[in-house]
């Protein structure tokens, strides 16, 4: 009985993490500290048997993927597996994608120094946007790289060493964090300082607008969907305006201080206000399963109760500075949107999506694949949710199918 309970617990804990039983014998783990050109530090873990010529690098701009479920299959295929944390795990306040590119560069540089001849980047979910942005910038002449962040800060990318990768794997790639948020932000907010303010004509959870209580699928009219999408864009534009005003306040104070000392300007030049952005989990496709239909279940990545996930404390972009909002979460201003960056990806690319994903929808996946500029690009899919977990108790593991497909692609080109 105890053994059965232990097995069930282990299976439940796997989720989006790897199955330790599938890690090949002989694998050793080597931790390392990575320092980027600007002095920012990050942590990474290298898993290898020894003698590998190819290494797969997995990284997410906000999460540490140390035990990513694809690790065992990559190792079983004869490649090493490097997982790298961002310099500030789970922190939207500090996340600026232009700076995160320096962390990616440091990781690739470390792996080159370890003697790996072929480096393949594995971008899962938000990692796809990060690596697509990196490849786009690394493939440009240094003089053509982005000079300033959306908030006007120097990126230092033109003078940075951005070593190129040899290949790119996208798993569950959404079209960039800003584009993701543009589709799931609640546009019925009428006052950013009042998280309970509601415009009834845009409220997505009103029966008058087509909402049905879970688990029934809602039925939003095309007119409402069009008006809702336009209002989402308008709310993002208003948040952009707020962010740019805060940046202008800071820059103006610094400019005045060059002419004369003023305590008020000293305060304003140093102050970095943090905005709490409420109600960011209201993508109509999560509640109306007829919109861009797929195998997905009702609900979003945050759960099946939209009132909890939309009005609760946890959610995308919940706390941001002006700088991090504009760089990462703005679907209008961010440089890390795949529509902007994927055409600059020329490395051989493999894209894998899950048919029951409730954050990457069929139209998104088609667009992303079309945007990728590589001549050598391949796509595949399997049943599964965003993390490849089975859609039914007896259904196939999308994680295993994805792992085997990626392993075969790597073996054919790089291992």
Protein backbone atom coordinates (compact mmCIF):
# COMPACT_ATOMS: atom_id res chain seq x y z
CA UNK A 1 0.00 0.00 0.00
CA UNK A 2 2.79 2.43 0.92
CA UNK A 3 4.61 1.68 -2.32
CA UNK A 4 1.46 2.31 -4.34
CA UNK A 5 0.90 5.61 -2.57
CA UNK A 6 4.51 6.63 -3.18
CA UNK A 7 4.24 5.82 -6.88
CA UNK A 8 1.04 7.83 -7.21
CA UNK A 9 2.60 10.78 -5.40
CA UNK A 10 5.65 10.70 -7.69
CA UNK A 11 3.45 10.57 -10.76
CA UNK A 12 1.40 13.49 -9.50
CA UNK A 13 4.48 15.55 -8.78
CA UNK A 14 5.91 15.03 -12.24
CA UNK A 15 3.45 17.31 -13.93
CA UNK A 16 5.62 19.50 -16.11
CA UNK A 17 8.77 18.09 -14.52
CA UNK A 18 10.88 15.17 -15.63
CA UNK A 19 10.47 11.54 -14.67
CA UNK A 20 13.63 10.67 -12.71
CA UNK A 21 13.27 7.04 -13.77
CA UNK A 22 13.93 8.02 -17.39
CA UNK A 23 17.23 9.77 -16.76
CA UNK A 24 19.97 7.60 -18.30
CA UNK A 25 22.45 5.96 -15.97
CA UNK A 26 25.76 7.72 -15.83
CA UNK A 27 24.36 11.25 -16.03
CA UNK A 28 26.20 13.74 -13.85
CA UNK A 29 25.03 17.21 -12.85
CA UNK A 30 27.34 20.21 -12.84
CA UNK A 31 26.14 23.55 -11.38
CA UNK A 32 27.66 26.76 -12.66
CA UNK A 33 27.40 30.49 -12.08
CA UNK A 34 27.09 32.57 -15.25
CA UNK A 35 28.03 36.24 -15.42
CA UNK A 36 26.77 38.36 -18.31
CA UNK A 37 28.71 41.21 -19.90
CA UNK A 38 26.88 43.79 -17.80
CA UNK A 39 27.78 41.94 -14.58
CA UNK A 40 24.38 40.31 -14.10
CA UNK A 41 24.64 36.84 -12.59
CA UNK A 42 22.57 33.73 -13.22
CA UNK A 43 22.71 30.08 -12.28
CA UNK A 44 22.71 27.04 -14.53
CA UNK A 45 22.88 23.26 -14.35
CA UNK A 46 24.59 21.04 -16.90
CA UNK A 47 23.50 17.41 -17.16
CA UNK A 48 25.78 15.16 -19.18
CA UNK A 49 27.20 11.68 -19.45
CA UNK A 50 30.44 12.93 -20.99
CA UNK A 51 31.72 13.03 -24.53
CA UNK A 52 28.68 14.78 -26.02
CA UNK A 53 29.31 17.17 -28.89
CA UNK A 54 25.82 18.69 -28.82
CA UNK A 55 24.07 20.43 -25.94
CA UNK A 56 20.50 21.64 -25.64
CA UNK A 57 19.99 24.86 -23.68
CA UNK A 58 16.62 25.51 -22.02
CA UNK A 59 15.75 28.86 -20.50
CA UNK A 60 12.66 30.91 -19.66
CA UNK A 61 12.69 34.66 -18.96
CA UNK A 62 10.97 34.20 -15.58
CA UNK A 63 11.21 30.54 -14.57
CA UNK A 64 13.99 28.05 -13.81
CA UNK A 65 13.49 24.86 -15.84
CA UNK A 66 16.03 22.72 -13.96
CA UNK A 67 13.93 19.56 -14.16
CA UNK A 68 12.15 20.17 -17.46
CA UNK A 69 10.22 17.13 -18.63
CA UNK A 70 12.11 16.99 -21.93
CA UNK A 71 15.50 16.60 -20.22
CA UNK A 72 15.53 12.79 -20.02
CA UNK A 73 14.69 12.30 -23.70
CA UNK A 74 17.34 14.80 -24.75
CA UNK A 75 19.93 13.01 -22.61
CA UNK A 76 18.81 9.61 -23.94
CA UNK A 77 19.37 10.95 -27.45
CA UNK A 78 23.04 11.63 -26.83
CA UNK A 79 22.99 15.39 -26.18
CA UNK A 80 23.87 17.18 -22.96
CA UNK A 81 21.20 19.33 -21.31
CA UNK A 82 21.86 22.81 -19.91
CA UNK A 83 19.12 24.60 -17.98
CA UNK A 84 19.66 28.22 -17.04
CA UNK A 85 17.76 30.44 -14.65
CA UNK A 86 17.10 34.09 -15.49
CA UNK A 87 18.93 36.58 -13.32
CA UNK A 88 15.73 37.33 -11.41
CA UNK A 89 13.47 34.28 -11.15
CA UNK A 90 9.74 34.99 -11.07
CA UNK A 91 10.18 38.74 -10.99
CA UNK A 92 8.30 40.82 -13.56
CA UNK A 93 9.45 44.03 -11.90
CA UNK A 94 13.01 43.56 -13.16
CA UNK A 95 12.40 41.63 -16.37
CA UNK A 96 13.47 43.55 -19.44
CA UNK A 97 13.94 41.29 -22.44
CA UNK A 98 16.78 43.33 -23.91
CA UNK A 99 18.81 42.68 -20.76
CA UNK A 100 17.78 39.02 -20.68
CA UNK A 101 19.49 38.58 -24.05
CA UNK A 102 22.81 39.20 -22.29
CA UNK A 103 22.03 36.27 -19.98
CA UNK A 104 21.35 34.03 -23.00
CA UNK A 105 24.63 35.13 -24.55
CA UNK A 106 26.50 34.31 -21.35
CA UNK A 107 24.98 30.84 -21.27
CA UNK A 108 25.89 30.10 -24.89
CA UNK A 109 29.39 31.45 -24.30
CA UNK A 110 29.80 29.18 -21.28
CA UNK A 111 28.73 26.15 -23.31
CA UNK A 112 31.15 27.02 -26.13
CA UNK A 113 33.90 27.25 -23.54
CA UNK A 114 32.96 23.77 -22.35
CA UNK A 115 33.79 22.49 -25.82
CA UNK A 116 30.34 21.87 -27.26
CA UNK A 117 30.36 22.06 -31.04
CA UNK A 118 26.60 22.37 -31.56
CA UNK A 119 24.21 24.32 -29.33
CA UNK A 120 20.45 24.03 -29.76
CA UNK A 121 18.14 26.43 -27.91
CA UNK A 122 14.93 24.99 -26.47
CA UNK A 123 12.31 27.67 -25.90
CA UNK A 124 9.27 26.42 -24.00
CA UNK A 125 6.26 28.74 -23.71
CA UNK A 126 7.71 32.18 -22.90
CA UNK A 127 11.19 30.82 -23.61
CA UNK A 128 10.27 30.74 -27.29
CA UNK A 129 9.91 34.51 -27.37
CA UNK A 130 13.19 34.97 -25.51
CA UNK A 131 15.18 32.73 -27.84
CA UNK A 132 13.51 34.03 -31.00
CA UNK A 133 14.45 37.56 -29.92
CA UNK A 134 17.99 36.42 -29.17
CA UNK A 135 18.48 34.72 -32.53
CA UNK A 136 17.06 37.72 -34.37
CA UNK A 137 19.52 40.08 -32.66
CA UNK A 138 22.50 37.69 -32.85
CA UNK A 139 21.95 37.25 -36.59
CA UNK A 140 22.05 41.00 -37.23
CA UNK A 141 25.21 43.05 -37.76
CA UNK A 142 26.10 44.69 -34.45
CA UNK A 143 25.29 48.11 -35.88
CA UNK A 144 21.73 47.03 -36.72
CA UNK A 145 20.82 45.71 -33.27
CA UNK A 146 18.32 47.43 -30.98
CA UNK A 147 20.00 50.42 -29.35
CA UNK A 148 17.40 51.33 -26.71
CA UNK A 149 14.72 49.52 -24.77
CA UNK A 150 11.10 50.64 -25.27
CA UNK A 151 11.64 52.78 -22.16
CA UNK A 152 14.64 54.50 -23.73
CA UNK A 153 17.46 52.82 -21.79
CA UNK A 154 20.64 51.80 -23.65
CA UNK A 155 20.65 48.07 -24.44
CA UNK A 156 24.41 47.76 -25.08
CA UNK A 157 23.57 45.04 -27.61
CA UNK A 158 25.58 46.66 -30.40
CA UNK A 159 28.80 46.14 -28.47
CA UNK A 160 27.89 42.82 -26.88
CA UNK A 161 29.16 39.42 -27.95
CA UNK A 162 26.07 37.46 -29.00
CA UNK A 163 27.35 34.01 -30.04
CA UNK A 164 25.05 32.28 -32.47
CA UNK A 165 23.18 29.07 -31.79
CA UNK A 166 23.02 26.17 -34.25
CA UNK A 167 19.36 25.25 -33.95
CA UNK A 168 16.12 26.18 -32.26
CA UNK A 169 13.27 24.17 -30.76
CA UNK A 170 9.94 25.75 -29.85
CA UNK A 171 7.65 23.85 -27.46
CA UNK A 172 4.19 25.27 -26.70
CA UNK A 173 5.28 28.65 -28.08
CA UNK A 174 2.89 31.52 -27.59
CA UNK A 175 3.39 34.62 -29.77
CA UNK A 176 5.30 36.54 -27.10
CA UNK A 177 4.40 37.64 -23.60
CA UNK A 178 2.99 40.94 -24.76
CA UNK A 179 0.83 39.28 -27.41
CA UNK A 180 -0.28 36.67 -24.89
CA UNK A 181 -1.38 39.38 -22.48
CA UNK A 182 -3.08 41.41 -25.20
CA UNK A 183 -5.39 38.44 -25.74
CA UNK A 184 -6.11 37.72 -22.08
CA UNK A 185 -6.24 41.14 -20.40
CA UNK A 186 -9.72 42.11 -19.19
CA UNK A 187 -10.79 45.27 -21.09
CA UNK A 188 -13.81 45.91 -18.86
CA UNK A 189 -11.57 47.57 -16.25
CA UNK A 190 -12.56 51.23 -16.13
CA UNK A 191 -10.09 52.41 -13.46
CA UNK A 192 -6.61 50.93 -13.05
CA UNK A 193 -6.68 52.04 -9.40
CA UNK A 194 -9.88 50.11 -8.73
CA UNK A 195 -9.53 46.39 -9.53
CA UNK A 196 -13.28 45.90 -9.11
CA UNK A 197 -14.32 48.57 -11.59
CA UNK A 198 -16.37 47.12 -14.46
CA UNK A 199 -17.82 48.31 -17.73
CA UNK A 200 -20.84 45.94 -18.01
CA UNK A 201 -20.88 46.17 -21.79
CA UNK A 202 -17.40 44.59 -21.96
CA UNK A 203 -17.49 42.29 -18.93
CA UNK A 204 -16.58 38.81 -20.23
CA UNK A 205 -18.24 36.98 -17.35
CA UNK A 206 -21.69 38.45 -17.79
CA UNK A 207 -24.48 36.17 -19.10
CA UNK A 208 -25.78 39.16 -21.07
CA UNK A 209 -22.53 39.08 -23.07
CA UNK A 210 -22.61 35.33 -23.67
CA UNK A 211 -20.90 33.91 -20.59
CA UNK A 212 -21.99 30.59 -19.13
CA UNK A 213 -20.90 29.22 -15.79
CA UNK A 214 -18.23 26.53 -15.99
CA UNK A 215 -17.95 23.86 -17.17
CA UNK A 216 -20.42 24.90 -19.88
CA UNK A 217 -18.82 26.61 -22.84
CA UNK A 218 -19.73 30.27 -23.23
CA UNK A 219 -21.08 31.59 -26.53
CA UNK A 220 -19.86 35.09 -27.37
CA UNK A 221 -21.35 36.80 -30.40
CA UNK A 222 -18.92 37.87 -33.17
CA UNK A 223 -19.84 41.52 -32.57
CA UNK A 224 -18.92 41.21 -28.90
CA UNK A 225 -15.65 39.43 -29.70
CA UNK A 226 -14.62 42.19 -32.13
CA UNK A 227 -15.51 44.95 -29.68
CA UNK A 228 -13.75 43.09 -26.86
CA UNK A 229 -10.53 42.65 -28.84
CA UNK A 230 -10.47 46.33 -29.76
CA UNK A 231 -11.01 47.28 -26.12
CA UNK A 232 -8.16 45.01 -25.04
CA UNK A 233 -5.85 46.88 -27.37
CA UNK A 234 -7.13 50.17 -25.99
CA UNK A 235 -6.39 49.12 -22.42
CA UNK A 236 -2.85 48.10 -23.34
CA UNK A 237 -2.41 51.46 -25.08
CA UNK A 238 -3.54 53.26 -21.91
CA UNK A 239 -1.05 51.28 -19.83
CA UNK A 240 1.66 52.14 -22.35
CA UNK A 241 0.74 55.80 -21.98
CA UNK A 242 1.02 55.52 -18.18
CA UNK A 243 4.40 53.82 -18.49
CA UNK A 244 5.82 56.36 -20.93
CA UNK A 245 4.65 59.21 -18.71
CA UNK A 246 6.53 57.69 -15.75
CA UNK A 247 9.65 57.31 -17.88
CA UNK A 248 9.34 60.93 -19.04
CA UNK A 249 9.01 62.10 -15.42
CA UNK A 250 12.22 60.33 -14.49
CA UNK A 251 14.17 61.52 -17.53
CA UNK A 252 12.95 65.07 -17.09
CA UNK A 253 14.07 65.14 -13.47
CA UNK A 254 17.53 63.84 -14.41
CA UNK A 255 17.84 66.48 -17.12
CA UNK A 256 16.95 69.28 -14.72
CA UNK A 257 19.44 68.00 -12.15
CA UNK A 258 22.24 68.60 -14.61
CA UNK A 259 21.45 72.27 -14.42
CA UNK A 260 20.65 72.71 -10.73
CA UNK A 261 20.23 70.59 -7.62
CA UNK A 262 16.66 70.18 -6.43
CA UNK A 263 15.65 67.62 -3.74
CA UNK A 264 12.28 67.11 -5.45
CA UNK A 265 14.00 66.24 -8.72
CA UNK A 266 16.42 63.95 -6.88
CA UNK A 267 13.45 62.03 -5.52
CA UNK A 268 11.66 61.94 -8.86
CA UNK A 269 14.79 60.81 -10.71
CA UNK A 270 15.18 57.85 -8.34
CA UNK A 271 11.55 56.90 -7.84
CA UNK A 272 10.42 53.79 -9.75
CA UNK A 273 6.68 53.35 -9.27
CA UNK A 274 5.29 49.83 -9.41
CA UNK A 275 1.93 49.33 -11.07
CA UNK A 276 -0.35 46.51 -10.01
CA UNK A 277 -2.11 45.37 -13.16
CA UNK A 278 -5.29 43.56 -12.22
CA UNK A 279 -7.49 41.20 -14.19
CA UNK A 280 -5.19 39.69 -16.76
CA UNK A 281 -6.83 36.30 -17.29
CA UNK A 282 -9.82 36.84 -19.55
CA UNK A 283 -9.08 35.38 -22.98
CA UNK A 284 -12.49 34.66 -24.49
CA UNK A 285 -11.10 31.53 -26.17
CA UNK A 286 -10.61 29.93 -22.76
CA UNK A 287 -14.33 30.14 -21.97
CA UNK A 288 -15.90 29.84 -25.42
CA UNK A 289 -14.46 26.63 -26.86
CA UNK A 290 -15.98 27.35 -30.27
CA UNK A 291 -13.52 30.20 -30.81
CA UNK A 292 -10.50 28.79 -32.67
CA UNK A 293 -11.55 25.26 -31.61
CA UNK A 294 -9.07 22.66 -30.39
CA UNK A 295 -8.88 19.77 -27.91
CA UNK A 296 -8.51 22.16 -24.99
CA UNK A 297 -10.56 21.96 -21.82
CA UNK A 298 -12.48 24.85 -20.29
CA UNK A 299 -10.35 27.38 -18.46
CA UNK A 300 -6.93 28.99 -18.68
CA UNK A 301 -3.42 28.17 -17.51
CA UNK A 302 -4.42 29.52 -14.12
CA UNK A 303 -7.41 27.25 -13.64
CA UNK A 304 -11.02 26.56 -14.56
CA UNK A 305 -12.58 29.25 -12.36
CA UNK A 306 -12.22 32.54 -14.24
CA UNK A 307 -13.33 34.62 -11.26
CA UNK A 308 -10.48 33.27 -9.13
CA UNK A 309 -7.84 33.54 -11.85
CA UNK A 310 -8.93 36.95 -13.13
CA UNK A 311 -9.64 38.70 -9.84
CA UNK A 312 -7.10 36.86 -7.66
CA UNK A 313 -3.61 37.90 -6.70
CA UNK A 314 -1.73 35.58 -9.06
CA UNK A 315 -1.58 36.25 -12.78
CA UNK A 316 0.44 37.46 -15.73
CA UNK A 317 2.04 40.90 -15.39
CA UNK A 318 0.51 41.45 -11.97
CA UNK A 319 3.28 43.82 -10.84
CA UNK A 320 5.41 45.81 -13.29
CA UNK A 321 7.55 48.89 -13.51
CA UNK A 322 7.17 51.14 -16.51
CA UNK A 323 10.35 49.65 -17.97
CA UNK A 324 9.39 46.02 -17.52
CA UNK A 325 5.85 46.60 -18.78
CA UNK A 326 7.02 48.21 -22.02
CA UNK A 327 9.78 45.65 -22.63
CA UNK A 328 7.95 42.47 -21.71
CA UNK A 329 4.18 42.68 -21.32
CA UNK A 330 3.06 45.36 -23.76
CA UNK A 331 1.66 43.83 -26.92
CA UNK A 332 2.20 47.20 -28.59
CA UNK A 333 5.70 48.17 -27.45
CA UNK A 334 7.65 45.00 -26.65
CA UNK A 335 10.51 44.07 -28.97
CA UNK A 336 10.14 40.40 -28.00
CA UNK A 337 6.97 39.65 -29.98
CA UNK A 338 7.46 36.69 -32.32
CA UNK A 339 5.75 38.54 -35.13
CA UNK A 340 8.70 40.94 -34.97
CA UNK A 341 11.51 38.50 -34.22
CA UNK A 342 10.72 35.12 -35.80
CA UNK A 343 11.36 36.30 -39.39
CA UNK A 344 14.97 36.85 -38.28
CA UNK A 345 15.36 33.23 -37.13
CA UNK A 346 17.42 31.42 -39.79
CA UNK A 347 18.62 28.48 -37.70
CA UNK A 348 17.01 25.05 -38.34
CA UNK A 349 13.82 25.15 -36.28
CA UNK A 350 11.52 22.49 -34.88
CA UNK A 351 8.16 23.52 -33.42
CA UNK A 352 6.04 21.23 -31.26
CA UNK A 353 2.56 22.13 -30.03
CA UNK A 354 -0.07 20.35 -27.97
CA UNK A 355 -3.60 20.11 -29.29
CA UNK A 356 -5.24 20.84 -25.94
CA UNK A 357 -3.15 23.89 -25.06
CA UNK A 358 -5.23 26.70 -23.56
CA UNK A 359 -2.66 29.43 -24.13
CA UNK A 360 -1.37 28.49 -27.60
CA UNK A 361 -4.32 28.22 -29.95
CA UNK A 362 -4.31 26.77 -33.49
CA UNK A 363 -4.26 30.16 -35.20
CA UNK A 364 -1.37 31.27 -32.98
CA UNK A 365 0.63 28.16 -33.84
CA UNK A 366 0.02 28.58 -37.58
CA UNK A 367 1.11 32.21 -37.44
CA UNK A 368 4.27 31.49 -35.49
CA UNK A 369 5.34 28.74 -37.87
CA UNK A 370 4.70 31.02 -40.85
CA UNK A 371 6.69 33.85 -39.25
CA UNK A 372 9.84 31.75 -38.71
CA UNK A 373 12.35 32.73 -41.38
CA UNK A 374 14.35 29.49 -41.41
CA UNK A 375 14.37 27.53 -44.65
CA UNK A 376 14.69 24.33 -42.60
CA UNK A 377 11.66 24.32 -40.32
CA UNK A 378 9.48 21.45 -39.15
CA UNK A 379 6.42 21.20 -36.95
CA UNK A 380 4.62 18.41 -35.11
CA UNK A 381 1.92 18.04 -32.49
CA UNK A 382 0.42 15.65 -29.97
CA UNK A 383 -2.53 15.55 -27.58
CA UNK A 384 -1.76 17.36 -24.33
CA UNK A 385 -2.26 20.52 -22.35
CA UNK A 386 0.20 23.41 -22.31
CA UNK A 387 2.72 21.24 -20.45
CA UNK A 388 2.05 18.12 -22.49
CA UNK A 389 0.09 16.37 -19.77
CA UNK A 390 -2.53 13.86 -20.91
CA UNK A 391 -5.96 15.31 -21.63
CA UNK A 392 -7.77 12.27 -20.20
CA UNK A 393 -6.82 9.81 -17.43
CA UNK A 394 -6.08 7.10 -19.99
CA UNK A 395 -4.80 9.39 -22.73
CA UNK A 396 -1.29 9.41 -24.17
CA UNK A 397 1.46 11.51 -22.61
CA UNK A 398 2.17 14.44 -24.87
CA UNK A 399 5.42 14.91 -22.99
CA UNK A 400 6.72 11.53 -24.10
CA UNK A 401 5.60 12.05 -27.70
CA UNK A 402 7.22 15.49 -27.80
CA UNK A 403 10.42 14.17 -26.25
CA UNK A 404 10.72 11.37 -28.77
CA UNK A 405 10.03 13.70 -31.70
CA UNK A 406 12.58 16.26 -30.53
CA UNK A 407 15.13 13.54 -29.89
CA UNK A 408 14.68 12.22 -33.44
CA UNK A 409 15.03 15.74 -34.87
CA UNK A 410 18.21 16.34 -32.88
CA UNK A 411 19.69 12.99 -33.86
CA UNK A 412 19.01 13.72 -37.53
CA UNK A 413 20.75 17.10 -37.50
CA UNK A 414 23.03 17.68 -34.54
CA UNK A 415 23.92 14.66 -32.40
